[in-house]
Amino acid sequence: MANPSSKATVPVSQEPQTLSSTKSDGWSNPHEAQIMHFFKRVGIDDPHVQTYTSKDLYSNLLCNTLKTLTVRRGHVTCFATVKPSISNHFGGLHGGAVAAIAERVAIATARTVIGEDKEIFLVDLGMSYLSAAPKDAELIVDGSVVRSGRNITVVSVEFKMKNTGKLAFTSRATFHNSPVSKL
């Protein structure tokens, strides 16, 4: 156990380091080239990176990935492409991106049966990752309302590979419906 009177010494002038390929302070990382290659491979050199700092980064990140195919009462079908900006280290669709797309499609599907006079709140989002979707793969994202009542709406979302029809991911979202306050 450390002596209570001893204090750890931390330099006051220590500043956070930023990732860059230039060496300004003489410090050298033997893994720097690998790290920079990793960031380039996963899309960090994307020219649109600066737009990811907006208030609704969520929309900007997915805007070029998700396209709407059909919308009808209780059902929404979208088309998604696995791009480098939403890929994981292994070159497949990142699990967080799958959940983000599932949430967006579930909200859109729920809105087809819930009027604008009610707010919806995501209560539960369950994901099942059944197989990987490789980079540049095309997916059909199909959302359908399982049940919609006075206070609760349940939506199921399925991700299928466009070329094979293989089920890759499934999701079930539960929303609480509440009337908009009139203050």
N, C-alpha and C. Protein backbone atom coordinates (compact mmCIF):
# COMPACT_ATOMS: atom_id res chain seq x y z
N MET A 1 0.85 -1.19 0.00
CA MET A 1 0.00 0.00 0.00
C MET A 1 0.89 1.24 0.00
N ALA A 2 0.50 2.26 -0.74
CA ALA A 2 1.30 3.48 -0.88
C ALA A 2 1.21 4.32 0.37
N ASN A 3 2.25 5.06 0.62
CA ASN A 3 2.29 5.98 1.74
C ASN A 3 1.33 7.12 1.46
N PRO A 4 0.37 7.44 2.38
CA PRO A 4 -0.60 8.50 2.14
C PRO A 4 0.03 9.86 1.92
N SER A 5 1.23 10.09 2.44
CA SER A 5 1.84 11.40 2.27
C SER A 5 2.52 11.56 0.90
N SER A 6 2.73 10.43 0.18
CA SER A 6 3.37 10.54 -1.13
C SER A 6 2.32 10.91 -2.18
N LYS A 7 2.73 11.74 -3.11
CA LYS A 7 1.83 12.19 -4.16
C LYS A 7 2.41 11.82 -5.51
N ALA A 8 1.53 11.43 -6.44
CA ALA A 8 1.99 11.12 -7.79
C ALA A 8 2.32 12.42 -8.51
N THR A 9 3.39 12.42 -9.24
CA THR A 9 3.81 13.60 -9.97
C THR A 9 3.33 13.50 -11.41
N VAL A 10 2.51 14.48 -11.81
CA VAL A 10 2.02 14.54 -13.18
C VAL A 10 2.43 15.88 -13.75
N PRO A 11 3.09 15.90 -14.89
CA PRO A 11 3.51 17.17 -15.48
C PRO A 11 2.30 18.06 -15.76
N VAL A 12 2.38 19.32 -15.34
CA VAL A 12 1.30 20.26 -15.52
C VAL A 12 1.12 20.62 -16.99
N SER A 13 2.20 20.66 -17.74
CA SER A 13 2.13 21.08 -19.13
C SER A 13 1.78 19.95 -20.10
N GLN A 14 1.37 18.80 -19.55
CA GLN A 14 1.05 17.67 -20.42
C GLN A 14 -0.23 17.97 -21.19
N GLU A 15 -0.17 17.90 -22.50
CA GLU A 15 -1.32 18.18 -23.34
C GLU A 15 -1.74 16.91 -24.05
N PRO A 16 -3.04 16.78 -24.39
CA PRO A 16 -3.46 15.59 -25.12
C PRO A 16 -2.77 15.52 -26.47
N GLN A 17 -2.39 14.33 -26.86
CA GLN A 17 -1.72 14.15 -28.13
C GLN A 17 -2.74 13.88 -29.22
N THR A 18 -2.49 14.37 -30.39
CA THR A 18 -3.37 14.12 -31.53
C THR A 18 -2.68 13.16 -32.48
N LEU A 19 -3.50 12.42 -33.23
CA LEU A 19 -2.95 11.49 -34.20
C LEU A 19 -2.51 12.25 -35.43
N SER A 20 -1.29 12.08 -35.79
CA SER A 20 -0.78 12.67 -37.01
C SER A 20 0.46 11.89 -37.42
N SER A 21 0.80 12.01 -38.66
CA SER A 21 1.96 11.26 -39.14
C SER A 21 3.24 12.08 -39.04
N THR A 22 3.18 13.28 -38.47
CA THR A 22 4.37 14.09 -38.32
C THR A 22 4.93 13.91 -36.91
N LYS A 23 6.24 14.04 -36.79
CA LYS A 23 6.88 13.89 -35.48
C LYS A 23 7.43 15.26 -35.08
N SER A 24 6.76 15.91 -34.12
CA SER A 24 7.20 17.25 -33.74
C SER A 24 7.93 17.26 -32.41
N ASP A 25 7.69 16.28 -31.55
CA ASP A 25 8.30 16.31 -30.23
C ASP A 25 9.38 15.25 -30.04
N GLY A 26 9.80 14.59 -31.11
CA GLY A 26 10.83 13.58 -30.99
C GLY A 26 10.31 12.22 -30.55
N TRP A 27 9.06 12.14 -30.15
CA TRP A 27 8.47 10.87 -29.71
C TRP A 27 8.17 10.03 -30.92
N SER A 28 8.51 8.76 -30.86
CA SER A 28 8.31 7.87 -32.00
C SER A 28 7.54 6.63 -31.55
N ASN A 29 6.50 6.29 -32.26
CA ASN A 29 5.72 5.10 -31.98
C ASN A 29 6.03 4.08 -33.05
N PRO A 30 6.51 2.90 -32.67
CA PRO A 30 6.86 1.91 -33.69
C PRO A 30 5.62 1.39 -34.45
N HIS A 31 4.44 1.61 -33.93
CA HIS A 31 3.22 1.12 -34.56
C HIS A 31 2.45 2.21 -35.31
N GLU A 32 3.06 3.37 -35.44
CA GLU A 32 2.37 4.51 -36.04
C GLU A 32 1.89 4.23 -37.46
N ALA A 33 2.70 3.61 -38.27
CA ALA A 33 2.32 3.32 -39.66
C ALA A 33 1.12 2.38 -39.71
N GLN A 34 1.10 1.39 -38.82
CA GLN A 34 -0.03 0.47 -38.77
C GLN A 34 -1.31 1.18 -38.33
N ILE A 35 -1.17 2.05 -37.35
CA ILE A 35 -2.34 2.78 -36.84
C ILE A 35 -2.91 3.69 -37.92
N MET A 36 -2.04 4.43 -38.61
CA MET A 36 -2.50 5.32 -39.67
C MET A 36 -3.14 4.52 -40.81
N HIS A 37 -2.58 3.36 -41.15
CA HIS A 37 -3.15 2.50 -42.18
C HIS A 37 -4.55 2.02 -41.76
N PHE A 38 -4.68 1.66 -40.47
CA PHE A 38 -5.99 1.22 -39.95
C PHE A 38 -7.02 2.33 -40.11
N PHE A 39 -6.68 3.56 -39.71
CA PHE A 39 -7.63 4.66 -39.81
C PHE A 39 -8.01 4.95 -41.25
N LYS A 40 -7.08 4.86 -42.16
CA LYS A 40 -7.40 5.07 -43.58
C LYS A 40 -8.31 3.97 -44.09
N ARG A 41 -8.04 2.73 -43.66
CA ARG A 41 -8.83 1.59 -44.13
C ARG A 41 -10.28 1.67 -43.65
N VAL A 42 -10.51 2.19 -42.46
CA VAL A 42 -11.88 2.26 -41.94
C VAL A 42 -12.58 3.57 -42.29
N GLY A 43 -11.93 4.42 -43.10
CA GLY A 43 -12.61 5.60 -43.61
C GLY A 43 -12.31 6.89 -42.90
N ILE A 44 -11.30 6.95 -42.05
CA ILE A 44 -11.00 8.18 -41.34
C ILE A 44 -10.52 9.27 -42.28
N ASP A 45 -10.02 8.88 -43.46
CA ASP A 45 -9.57 9.89 -44.43
C ASP A 45 -10.72 10.33 -45.34
N ASP A 46 -11.95 9.99 -44.98
CA ASP A 46 -13.13 10.39 -45.71
C ASP A 46 -13.20 11.92 -45.74
N PRO A 47 -13.39 12.56 -46.90
CA PRO A 47 -13.43 14.02 -46.95
C PRO A 47 -14.63 14.61 -46.20
N HIS A 48 -15.60 13.80 -45.85
CA HIS A 48 -16.79 14.29 -45.15
C HIS A 48 -16.66 14.16 -43.63
N VAL A 49 -15.49 13.81 -43.11
CA VAL A 49 -15.31 13.61 -41.68
C VAL A 49 -15.70 14.85 -40.89
N GLN A 50 -15.43 16.04 -41.40
CA GLN A 50 -15.77 17.26 -40.67
C GLN A 50 -17.27 17.40 -40.47
N THR A 51 -18.09 16.85 -41.36
CA THR A 51 -19.54 16.96 -41.19
C THR A 51 -20.04 16.05 -40.07
N TYR A 52 -19.20 15.14 -39.57
CA TYR A 52 -19.62 14.22 -38.52
C TYR A 52 -19.67 14.89 -37.15
N THR A 53 -19.35 16.17 -37.07
CA THR A 53 -19.39 16.87 -35.79
C THR A 53 -20.71 17.62 -35.59
N SER A 54 -21.66 17.44 -36.49
CA SER A 54 -22.93 18.15 -36.37
C SER A 54 -23.76 17.60 -35.22
N LYS A 55 -24.79 18.32 -34.86
CA LYS A 55 -25.66 17.92 -33.76
C LYS A 55 -26.29 16.56 -34.04
N ASP A 56 -26.67 16.30 -35.28
CA ASP A 56 -27.28 15.02 -35.62
C ASP A 56 -26.31 14.21 -36.49
N LEU A 57 -25.18 13.87 -35.91
CA LEU A 57 -24.17 13.08 -36.60
C LEU A 57 -24.76 11.79 -37.14
N TYR A 58 -25.67 11.25 -36.40
CA TYR A 58 -26.37 10.02 -36.73
C TYR A 58 -26.89 10.06 -38.17
N SER A 59 -27.59 11.12 -38.54
CA SER A 59 -28.14 11.25 -39.89
C SER A 59 -27.04 11.39 -40.93
N ASN A 60 -26.04 12.21 -40.63
CA ASN A 60 -24.96 12.42 -41.59
C ASN A 60 -24.18 11.15 -41.87
N LEU A 61 -23.97 10.35 -40.85
CA LEU A 61 -23.21 9.12 -41.01
C LEU A 61 -23.97 8.09 -41.85
N LEU A 62 -25.28 8.06 -41.71
CA LEU A 62 -26.09 7.06 -42.41
C LEU A 62 -26.74 7.57 -43.69
N CYS A 63 -26.66 8.86 -43.97
CA CYS A 63 -27.42 9.43 -45.09
C CYS A 63 -27.10 8.81 -46.44
N ASN A 64 -25.86 8.46 -46.69
CA ASN A 64 -25.50 7.87 -47.97
C ASN A 64 -25.57 6.35 -47.95
N THR A 65 -25.97 5.78 -46.84
CA THR A 65 -26.00 4.33 -46.68
C THR A 65 -27.40 3.77 -46.87
N LEU A 66 -28.40 4.50 -46.42
CA LEU A 66 -29.77 4.00 -46.36
C LEU A 66 -30.66 4.73 -47.35
N LYS A 67 -31.32 3.97 -48.23
CA LYS A 67 -32.25 4.53 -49.22
C LYS A 67 -33.61 3.84 -49.06
N THR A 68 -34.68 4.62 -49.09
CA THR A 68 -36.02 4.08 -48.93
C THR A 68 -36.52 3.49 -50.24
N LEU A 69 -37.07 2.27 -50.15
CA LEU A 69 -37.65 1.62 -51.32
C LEU A 69 -39.18 1.73 -51.31
N THR A 70 -39.83 1.24 -50.24
CA THR A 70 -41.29 1.31 -50.15
C THR A 70 -41.72 1.72 -48.75
N VAL A 71 -42.84 2.42 -48.70
CA VAL A 71 -43.46 2.80 -47.43
C VAL A 71 -44.95 2.59 -47.57
N ARG A 72 -45.52 1.80 -46.68
CA ARG A 72 -46.97 1.63 -46.60
C ARG A 72 -47.34 1.41 -45.14
N ARG A 73 -48.59 1.46 -44.82
CA ARG A 73 -49.03 1.35 -43.43
C ARG A 73 -48.48 0.07 -42.78
N GLY A 74 -47.70 0.25 -41.72
CA GLY A 74 -47.15 -0.88 -40.98
C GLY A 74 -45.95 -1.55 -41.61
N HIS A 75 -45.40 -0.96 -42.66
CA HIS A 75 -44.30 -1.63 -43.36
C HIS A 75 -43.40 -0.60 -44.06
N VAL A 76 -42.08 -0.72 -43.87
CA VAL A 76 -41.10 0.12 -44.55
C VAL A 76 -39.97 -0.78 -45.03
N THR A 77 -39.57 -0.61 -46.28
CA THR A 77 -38.45 -1.37 -46.84
C THR A 77 -37.40 -0.38 -47.33
N CYS A 78 -36.15 -0.63 -46.93
CA CYS A 78 -35.03 0.22 -47.32
C CYS A 78 -33.92 -0.62 -47.91
N PHE A 79 -33.01 0.06 -48.56
CA PHE A 79 -31.85 -0.54 -49.19
C PHE A 79 -30.62 0.06 -48.51
N ALA A 80 -29.69 -0.78 -48.06
CA ALA A 80 -28.47 -0.29 -47.40
C ALA A 80 -27.24 -0.88 -48.06
N THR A 81 -26.19 -0.07 -48.14
CA THR A 81 -24.91 -0.51 -48.69
C THR A 81 -23.86 -0.39 -47.60
N VAL A 82 -23.02 -1.40 -47.45
CA VAL A 82 -21.96 -1.39 -46.44
C VAL A 82 -20.79 -0.59 -47.01
N LYS A 83 -20.58 0.61 -46.44
CA LYS A 83 -19.52 1.50 -46.90
C LYS A 83 -18.39 1.52 -45.87
N PRO A 84 -17.19 1.97 -46.26
CA PRO A 84 -16.06 2.00 -45.33
C PRO A 84 -16.34 2.81 -44.05
N SER A 85 -17.13 3.87 -44.15
CA SER A 85 -17.38 4.71 -42.98
C SER A 85 -18.18 4.00 -41.90
N ILE A 86 -18.88 2.91 -42.24
CA ILE A 86 -19.65 2.17 -41.24
C ILE A 86 -19.18 0.72 -41.14
N SER A 87 -17.94 0.48 -41.55
CA SER A 87 -17.37 -0.88 -41.48
C SER A 87 -16.53 -1.03 -40.22
N ASN A 88 -16.42 -2.26 -39.77
CA ASN A 88 -15.58 -2.54 -38.61
C ASN A 88 -14.16 -2.92 -39.05
N HIS A 89 -13.34 -3.30 -38.11
CA HIS A 89 -11.94 -3.65 -38.37
C HIS A 89 -11.81 -4.83 -39.34
N PHE A 90 -12.80 -5.70 -39.35
CA PHE A 90 -12.76 -6.90 -40.19
C PHE A 90 -13.35 -6.67 -41.58
N GLY A 91 -13.79 -5.44 -41.87
CA GLY A 91 -14.32 -5.12 -43.19
C GLY A 91 -15.81 -5.39 -43.34
N GLY A 92 -16.48 -5.72 -42.27
CA GLY A 92 -17.93 -5.96 -42.32
C GLY A 92 -18.70 -4.80 -41.72
N LEU A 93 -20.01 -4.86 -41.83
CA LEU A 93 -20.87 -3.82 -41.26
C LEU A 93 -20.71 -3.79 -39.74
N HIS A 94 -20.40 -2.64 -39.20
CA HIS A 94 -20.18 -2.47 -37.76
C HIS A 94 -21.49 -2.71 -37.00
N GLY A 95 -21.41 -3.38 -35.87
CA GLY A 95 -22.59 -3.69 -35.06
C GLY A 95 -23.35 -2.46 -34.63
N GLY A 96 -22.64 -1.38 -34.32
CA GLY A 96 -23.31 -0.13 -33.93
C GLY A 96 -24.07 0.48 -35.09
N ALA A 97 -23.52 0.35 -36.29
CA ALA A 97 -24.21 0.85 -37.48
C ALA A 97 -25.46 0.02 -37.76
N VAL A 98 -25.39 -1.29 -37.53
CA VAL A 98 -26.56 -2.15 -37.69
C VAL A 98 -27.67 -1.68 -36.75
N ALA A 99 -27.31 -1.43 -35.49
CA ALA A 99 -28.30 -0.97 -34.51
C ALA A 99 -28.86 0.40 -34.88
N ALA A 100 -28.00 1.30 -35.37
CA ALA A 100 -28.46 2.64 -35.77
C ALA A 100 -29.44 2.56 -36.94
N ILE A 101 -29.11 1.72 -37.93
CA ILE A 101 -30.01 1.56 -39.07
C ILE A 101 -31.32 0.92 -38.62
N ALA A 102 -31.22 -0.09 -37.76
CA ALA A 102 -32.43 -0.76 -37.25
C ALA A 102 -33.33 0.23 -36.51
N GLU A 103 -32.73 1.10 -35.70
CA GLU A 103 -33.51 2.09 -34.97
C GLU A 103 -34.20 3.06 -35.92
N ARG A 104 -33.47 3.56 -36.92
CA ARG A 104 -34.06 4.49 -37.89
C ARG A 104 -35.22 3.85 -38.65
N VAL A 105 -35.03 2.63 -39.11
CA VAL A 105 -36.09 1.95 -39.86
C VAL A 105 -37.27 1.65 -38.94
N ALA A 106 -37.01 1.26 -37.70
CA ALA A 106 -38.09 0.99 -36.74
C ALA A 106 -38.91 2.25 -36.44
N ILE A 107 -38.23 3.37 -36.28
CA ILE A 107 -38.95 4.64 -36.04
C ILE A 107 -39.83 4.97 -37.24
N ALA A 108 -39.28 4.86 -38.43
CA ALA A 108 -40.05 5.15 -39.65
C ALA A 108 -41.25 4.22 -39.77
N THR A 109 -41.05 2.94 -39.45
CA THR A 109 -42.14 1.96 -39.53
C THR A 109 -43.21 2.26 -38.49
N ALA A 110 -42.80 2.58 -37.28
CA ALA A 110 -43.77 2.91 -36.23
C ALA A 110 -44.57 4.16 -36.60
N ARG A 111 -43.94 5.12 -37.22
CA ARG A 111 -44.62 6.35 -37.62
C ARG A 111 -45.70 6.10 -38.68
N THR A 112 -45.66 4.98 -39.38
CA THR A 112 -46.70 4.69 -40.37
C THR A 112 -48.03 4.33 -39.71
N VAL A 113 -48.01 3.94 -38.43
CA VAL A 113 -49.25 3.59 -37.73
C VAL A 113 -49.56 4.51 -36.55
N ILE A 114 -48.58 5.31 -36.12
CA ILE A 114 -48.78 6.22 -34.99
C ILE A 114 -48.87 7.63 -35.55
N GLY A 115 -49.90 8.34 -35.19
CA GLY A 115 -50.10 9.70 -35.69
C GLY A 115 -49.06 10.67 -35.15
N GLU A 116 -48.95 11.80 -35.84
CA GLU A 116 -48.02 12.84 -35.44
C GLU A 116 -48.43 13.51 -34.12
N ASP A 117 -49.65 13.26 -33.67
CA ASP A 117 -50.10 13.84 -32.41
C ASP A 117 -49.53 13.11 -31.19
N LYS A 118 -48.78 12.05 -31.41
CA LYS A 118 -48.15 11.29 -30.32
C LYS A 118 -46.65 11.27 -30.51
N GLU A 119 -45.93 11.39 -29.39
CA GLU A 119 -44.49 11.23 -29.41
C GLU A 119 -44.19 9.77 -29.17
N ILE A 120 -43.09 9.28 -29.75
CA ILE A 120 -42.69 7.90 -29.50
C ILE A 120 -41.31 7.89 -28.84
N PHE A 121 -41.15 6.98 -27.90
CA PHE A 121 -39.89 6.83 -27.17
C PHE A 121 -39.44 5.39 -27.27
N LEU A 122 -38.21 5.18 -27.66
CA LEU A 122 -37.66 3.85 -27.76
C LEU A 122 -37.45 3.30 -26.36
N VAL A 123 -38.12 2.18 -26.06
CA VAL A 123 -38.03 1.55 -24.75
C VAL A 123 -37.01 0.41 -24.79
N ASP A 124 -37.01 -0.34 -25.88
CA ASP A 124 -36.14 -1.52 -25.98
C ASP A 124 -35.74 -1.74 -27.42
N LEU A 125 -34.48 -2.07 -27.63
CA LEU A 125 -34.00 -2.43 -28.96
C LEU A 125 -33.16 -3.68 -28.81
N GLY A 126 -33.67 -4.80 -29.30
CA GLY A 126 -32.95 -6.07 -29.22
C GLY A 126 -32.38 -6.41 -30.58
N MET A 127 -31.11 -6.82 -30.60
CA MET A 127 -30.43 -7.13 -31.85
C MET A 127 -29.96 -8.57 -31.85
N SER A 128 -30.03 -9.22 -33.01
CA SER A 128 -29.43 -10.53 -33.21
C SER A 128 -28.52 -10.43 -34.42
N TYR A 129 -27.25 -10.69 -34.20
CA TYR A 129 -26.25 -10.63 -35.27
C TYR A 129 -26.01 -12.07 -35.74
N LEU A 130 -26.62 -12.45 -36.86
CA LEU A 130 -26.58 -13.83 -37.32
C LEU A 130 -25.41 -14.13 -38.24
N SER A 131 -25.05 -13.20 -39.11
CA SER A 131 -23.90 -13.37 -39.99
C SER A 131 -23.38 -12.00 -40.40
N ALA A 132 -22.18 -11.98 -40.93
CA ALA A 132 -21.55 -10.71 -41.30
C ALA A 132 -22.03 -10.23 -42.67
N ALA A 133 -22.00 -8.92 -42.84
CA ALA A 133 -22.28 -8.30 -44.13
C ALA A 133 -20.99 -7.63 -44.57
N PRO A 134 -20.30 -8.17 -45.57
CA PRO A 134 -18.98 -7.64 -45.96
C PRO A 134 -19.08 -6.26 -46.60
N LYS A 135 -17.92 -5.60 -46.67
CA LYS A 135 -17.83 -4.27 -47.28
C LYS A 135 -18.37 -4.32 -48.71
N ASP A 136 -19.11 -3.29 -49.08
CA ASP A 136 -19.75 -3.13 -50.39
C ASP A 136 -20.93 -4.08 -50.62
N ALA A 137 -21.34 -4.82 -49.59
CA ALA A 137 -22.51 -5.68 -49.71
C ALA A 137 -23.77 -4.82 -49.74
N GLU A 138 -24.79 -5.32 -50.38
CA GLU A 138 -26.07 -4.62 -50.44
C GLU A 138 -27.07 -5.40 -49.61
N LEU A 139 -27.82 -4.67 -48.78
CA LEU A 139 -28.78 -5.29 -47.87
C LEU A 139 -30.17 -4.73 -48.11
N ILE A 140 -31.17 -5.59 -47.94
CA ILE A 140 -32.56 -5.15 -47.92
C ILE A 140 -32.96 -5.11 -46.45
N VAL A 141 -33.40 -3.94 -45.98
CA VAL A 141 -33.80 -3.75 -44.59
C VAL A 141 -35.31 -3.62 -44.57
N ASP A 142 -35.97 -4.57 -43.93
CA ASP A 142 -37.43 -4.66 -43.97
C ASP A 142 -37.99 -4.48 -42.56
N GLY A 143 -38.75 -3.41 -42.35
CA GLY A 143 -39.38 -3.15 -41.05
C GLY A 143 -40.87 -3.38 -41.13
N SER A 144 -41.41 -4.07 -40.13
CA SER A 144 -42.86 -4.29 -40.10
C SER A 144 -43.37 -4.21 -38.67
N VAL A 145 -44.58 -3.68 -38.52
CA VAL A 145 -45.20 -3.55 -37.21
C VAL A 145 -45.72 -4.91 -36.78
N VAL A 146 -45.30 -5.37 -35.60
CA VAL A 146 -45.76 -6.64 -35.04
C VAL A 146 -47.05 -6.41 -34.27
N ARG A 147 -47.07 -5.34 -33.48
CA ARG A 147 -48.26 -5.00 -32.68
C ARG A 147 -48.25 -3.51 -32.42
N SER A 148 -49.41 -2.91 -32.50
CA SER A 148 -49.54 -1.49 -32.15
C SER A 148 -50.81 -1.30 -31.35
N GLY A 149 -50.63 -0.85 -30.13
CA GLY A 149 -51.76 -0.61 -29.25
C GLY A 149 -51.85 0.86 -28.89
N ARG A 150 -52.61 1.14 -27.83
CA ARG A 150 -52.81 2.51 -27.41
C ARG A 150 -51.51 3.14 -26.90
N ASN A 151 -50.70 2.35 -26.16
CA ASN A 151 -49.48 2.89 -25.56
C ASN A 151 -48.18 2.26 -26.04
N ILE A 152 -48.24 1.09 -26.63
CA ILE A 152 -47.03 0.37 -27.02
C ILE A 152 -47.10 -0.03 -28.49
N THR A 153 -45.97 0.11 -29.18
CA THR A 153 -45.84 -0.37 -30.57
C THR A 153 -44.58 -1.19 -30.65
N VAL A 154 -44.68 -2.37 -31.26
CA VAL A 154 -43.54 -3.26 -31.42
C VAL A 154 -43.27 -3.41 -32.92
N VAL A 155 -42.00 -3.23 -33.31
CA VAL A 155 -41.59 -3.29 -34.71
C VAL A 155 -40.48 -4.33 -34.86
N SER A 156 -40.56 -5.12 -35.90
CA SER A 156 -39.53 -6.09 -36.23
C SER A 156 -38.77 -5.60 -37.46
N VAL A 157 -37.44 -5.69 -37.43
CA VAL A 157 -36.61 -5.27 -38.56
C VAL A 157 -35.71 -6.43 -38.95
N GLU A 158 -35.69 -6.76 -40.24
CA GLU A 158 -34.83 -7.83 -40.75
C GLU A 158 -33.88 -7.27 -41.80
N PHE A 159 -32.63 -7.70 -41.73
CA PHE A 159 -31.60 -7.32 -42.71
C PHE A 159 -31.28 -8.58 -43.52
N LYS A 160 -31.52 -8.53 -44.82
CA LYS A 160 -31.22 -9.67 -45.69
C LYS A 160 -30.25 -9.24 -46.77
N MET A 161 -29.35 -10.15 -47.14
CA MET A 161 -28.41 -9.88 -48.23
C MET A 161 -29.22 -9.81 -49.53
N LYS A 162 -28.98 -8.76 -50.31
CA LYS A 162 -29.76 -8.55 -51.52
C LYS A 162 -29.54 -9.66 -52.55
N ASN A 163 -28.30 -10.08 -52.73
CA ASN A 163 -28.02 -11.06 -53.79
C ASN A 163 -28.40 -12.49 -53.43
N THR A 164 -28.41 -12.86 -52.14
CA THR A 164 -28.72 -14.24 -51.75
C THR A 164 -30.02 -14.39 -50.96
N GLY A 165 -30.50 -13.31 -50.38
CA GLY A 165 -31.69 -13.39 -49.54
C GLY A 165 -31.39 -13.93 -48.15
N LYS A 166 -30.12 -14.15 -47.83
CA LYS A 166 -29.71 -14.70 -46.54
C LYS A 166 -29.96 -13.68 -45.43
N LEU A 167 -30.57 -14.13 -44.33
CA LEU A 167 -30.84 -13.28 -43.19
C LEU A 167 -29.54 -13.01 -42.44
N ALA A 168 -29.16 -11.75 -42.30
CA ALA A 168 -27.90 -11.38 -41.65
C ALA A 168 -28.12 -10.86 -40.23
N PHE A 169 -29.12 -10.00 -40.03
CA PHE A 169 -29.39 -9.41 -38.72
C PHE A 169 -30.90 -9.30 -38.52
N THR A 170 -31.33 -9.39 -37.27
CA THR A 170 -32.72 -9.13 -36.93
C THR A 170 -32.76 -8.19 -35.74
N SER A 171 -33.85 -7.48 -35.64
CA SER A 171 -34.01 -6.54 -34.54
C SER A 171 -35.49 -6.45 -34.17
N ARG A 172 -35.75 -6.19 -32.90
CA ARG A 172 -37.10 -5.93 -32.45
C ARG A 172 -37.06 -4.69 -31.57
N ALA A 173 -37.85 -3.70 -31.94
CA ALA A 173 -37.89 -2.42 -31.21
C ALA A 173 -39.26 -2.24 -30.58
N THR A 174 -39.26 -1.79 -29.33
CA THR A 174 -40.50 -1.50 -28.61
C THR A 174 -40.54 0.00 -28.33
N PHE A 175 -41.64 0.63 -28.70
CA PHE A 175 -41.83 2.07 -28.50
C PHE A 175 -42.99 2.32 -27.56
N HIS A 176 -42.84 3.35 -26.74
CA HIS A 176 -43.95 3.84 -25.91
C HIS A 176 -44.54 5.05 -26.63
N ASN A 177 -45.84 5.03 -26.82
CA ASN A 177 -46.54 6.14 -27.48
C ASN A 177 -47.16 7.03 -26.40
N SER A 178 -46.95 8.31 -26.49
CA SER A 178 -47.60 9.21 -25.54
C SER A 178 -48.05 10.47 -26.25
N PRO A 179 -49.19 11.02 -25.83
CA PRO A 179 -49.67 12.25 -26.48
C PRO A 179 -48.72 13.42 -26.23
N VAL A 180 -48.64 14.30 -27.21
CA VAL A 180 -47.80 15.48 -27.09
C VAL A 180 -48.43 16.44 -26.09
N SER A 181 -47.61 16.96 -25.18
CA SER A 181 -48.09 17.89 -24.18
C SER A 181 -48.50 19.21 -24.84
N LYS A 182 -49.60 19.79 -24.35
CA LYS A 182 -50.09 21.06 -24.91
C LYS A 182 -49.95 22.15 -23.87
N LEU A 183 -48.73 22.51 -23.56
CA LEU A 183 -48.48 23.57 -22.57
C LEU A 183 -48.39 24.92 -23.22
